[in-house]
Amino acid sequence: MGEFVALIDVVPEDIDVDFEEFVSKLKTALPDDAVIENYDIRPVAFGLKKARLRVRYPEEWGGTDRIEELLGQVDGIQGIEGIAFSKA
């Protein structure tokens, strides 16, 4: 089977977030066969920012539900949203 690539937005609870540390915690929540390839920081509102992750994962996982569930186990997250996914 192949791989999928997804864009996932992760919004922290606080506006004062060290995104290097935040994304590091997100990386540890994923198993070895799922990898955060890169991320960028985007504004949300009123000083709040989000991390847009590019995640590569096994095709058999299907959509982004499993990734969202795994990332949701990290403390300090206000919201997670799968933006898009496609075959890698």
Protein backbone atom coordinates (compact mmCIF):
# COMPACT_ATOMS: atom_id res chain seq x y z
CA MET A 1 0.00 0.00 0.00
CA GLY A 2 1.04 3.59 -0.42
CA GLU A 3 1.02 6.71 1.68
CA PHE A 4 -1.22 9.71 2.14
CA VAL A 5 -0.25 13.28 2.92
CA ALA A 6 -2.56 15.48 4.98
CA LEU A 7 -2.72 19.10 6.04
CA ILE A 8 -3.87 19.37 9.65
CA ASP A 9 -4.47 22.61 11.57
CA VAL A 10 -3.75 22.42 15.30
CA VAL A 11 -4.77 25.36 17.48
CA PRO A 12 -3.18 25.63 20.94
CA GLU A 13 -5.19 26.79 23.97
CA ASP A 14 -2.88 29.71 24.75
CA ILE A 15 -1.54 32.61 22.69
CA ASP A 16 1.89 32.36 24.35
CA VAL A 17 3.10 29.12 22.81
CA ASP A 18 6.59 28.02 21.88
CA PHE A 19 5.69 26.36 18.58
CA GLU A 20 8.97 24.42 18.38
CA GLU A 21 8.09 22.73 21.67
CA PHE A 22 4.41 22.42 20.74
CA VAL A 23 5.13 20.64 17.44
CA SER A 24 7.72 18.46 19.16
CA LYS A 25 4.97 17.22 21.52
CA LEU A 26 2.71 16.58 18.53
CA LYS A 27 5.44 14.53 16.84
CA THR A 28 5.77 12.28 19.88
CA ALA A 29 2.02 11.55 19.77
CA LEU A 30 2.34 9.90 16.36
CA PRO A 31 3.59 6.34 15.77
CA ASP A 32 6.74 5.71 13.71
CA ASP A 33 4.78 5.20 10.47
CA ALA A 34 3.31 8.72 10.62
CA VAL A 35 5.63 11.71 10.22
CA ILE A 36 5.16 15.47 10.47
CA GLU A 37 7.19 16.50 7.42
CA ASN A 38 6.95 20.22 8.06
CA TYR A 39 4.72 22.92 9.51
CA ASP A 40 4.08 26.61 9.32
CA ILE A 41 2.50 29.05 11.76
CA ARG A 42 -0.64 30.90 10.68
CA PRO A 43 -2.68 33.59 12.43
CA VAL A 44 -6.16 32.73 13.73
CA ALA A 45 -7.49 35.82 15.59
CA PHE A 46 -6.69 38.15 18.49
CA GLY A 47 -3.06 37.05 18.70
CA LEU A 48 -3.87 33.34 18.58
CA LYS A 49 -1.91 31.29 16.05
CA LYS A 50 -2.16 27.75 14.75
CA ALA A 51 0.28 25.22 13.38
CA ARG A 52 -0.54 23.84 9.93
CA LEU A 53 1.11 20.42 9.79
CA ARG A 54 1.97 18.38 6.72
CA VAL A 55 1.72 14.76 7.86
CA ARG A 56 2.69 11.66 5.85
CA TYR A 57 0.96 8.47 6.98
CA PRO A 58 -0.05 4.98 5.78
CA GLU A 59 -2.79 4.81 3.16
CA GLU A 60 -4.73 2.18 5.11
CA TRP A 61 -5.55 4.85 7.72
CA GLY A 62 -7.81 6.49 5.15
CA GLY A 63 -8.83 10.07 5.99
CA THR A 64 -7.49 12.22 8.80
CA ASP A 65 -9.59 10.87 11.69
CA ARG A 66 -6.86 8.68 13.18
CA ILE A 67 -4.26 11.47 13.01
CA GLU A 68 -6.67 13.90 14.64
CA GLU A 69 -7.41 11.37 17.38
CA LEU A 70 -3.70 10.77 18.09
CA LEU A 71 -2.82 14.47 18.10
CA GLY A 72 -5.84 15.18 20.32
CA GLN A 73 -4.14 13.27 23.15
CA VAL A 74 -1.60 16.08 23.56
CA ASP A 75 -2.36 18.56 26.35
CA GLY A 76 -2.90 22.22 25.52
CA ILE A 77 -4.87 21.85 22.27
CA GLN A 78 -7.95 23.94 21.65
CA GLY A 79 -8.84 22.42 18.29
CA ILE A 80 -7.74 20.15 15.46
CA GLU A 81 -9.03 20.24 11.90
CA GLY A 82 -8.14 18.13 8.90
CA ILE A 83 -7.87 20.52 5.95
CA ALA A 84 -7.02 18.16 3.09
CA PHE A 85 -5.46 14.81 2.30
CA SER A 86 -4.31 13.06 -0.84
CA LYS A 87 -2.28 10.15 -2.04
CA ALA A 88 1.44 10.89 -1.73
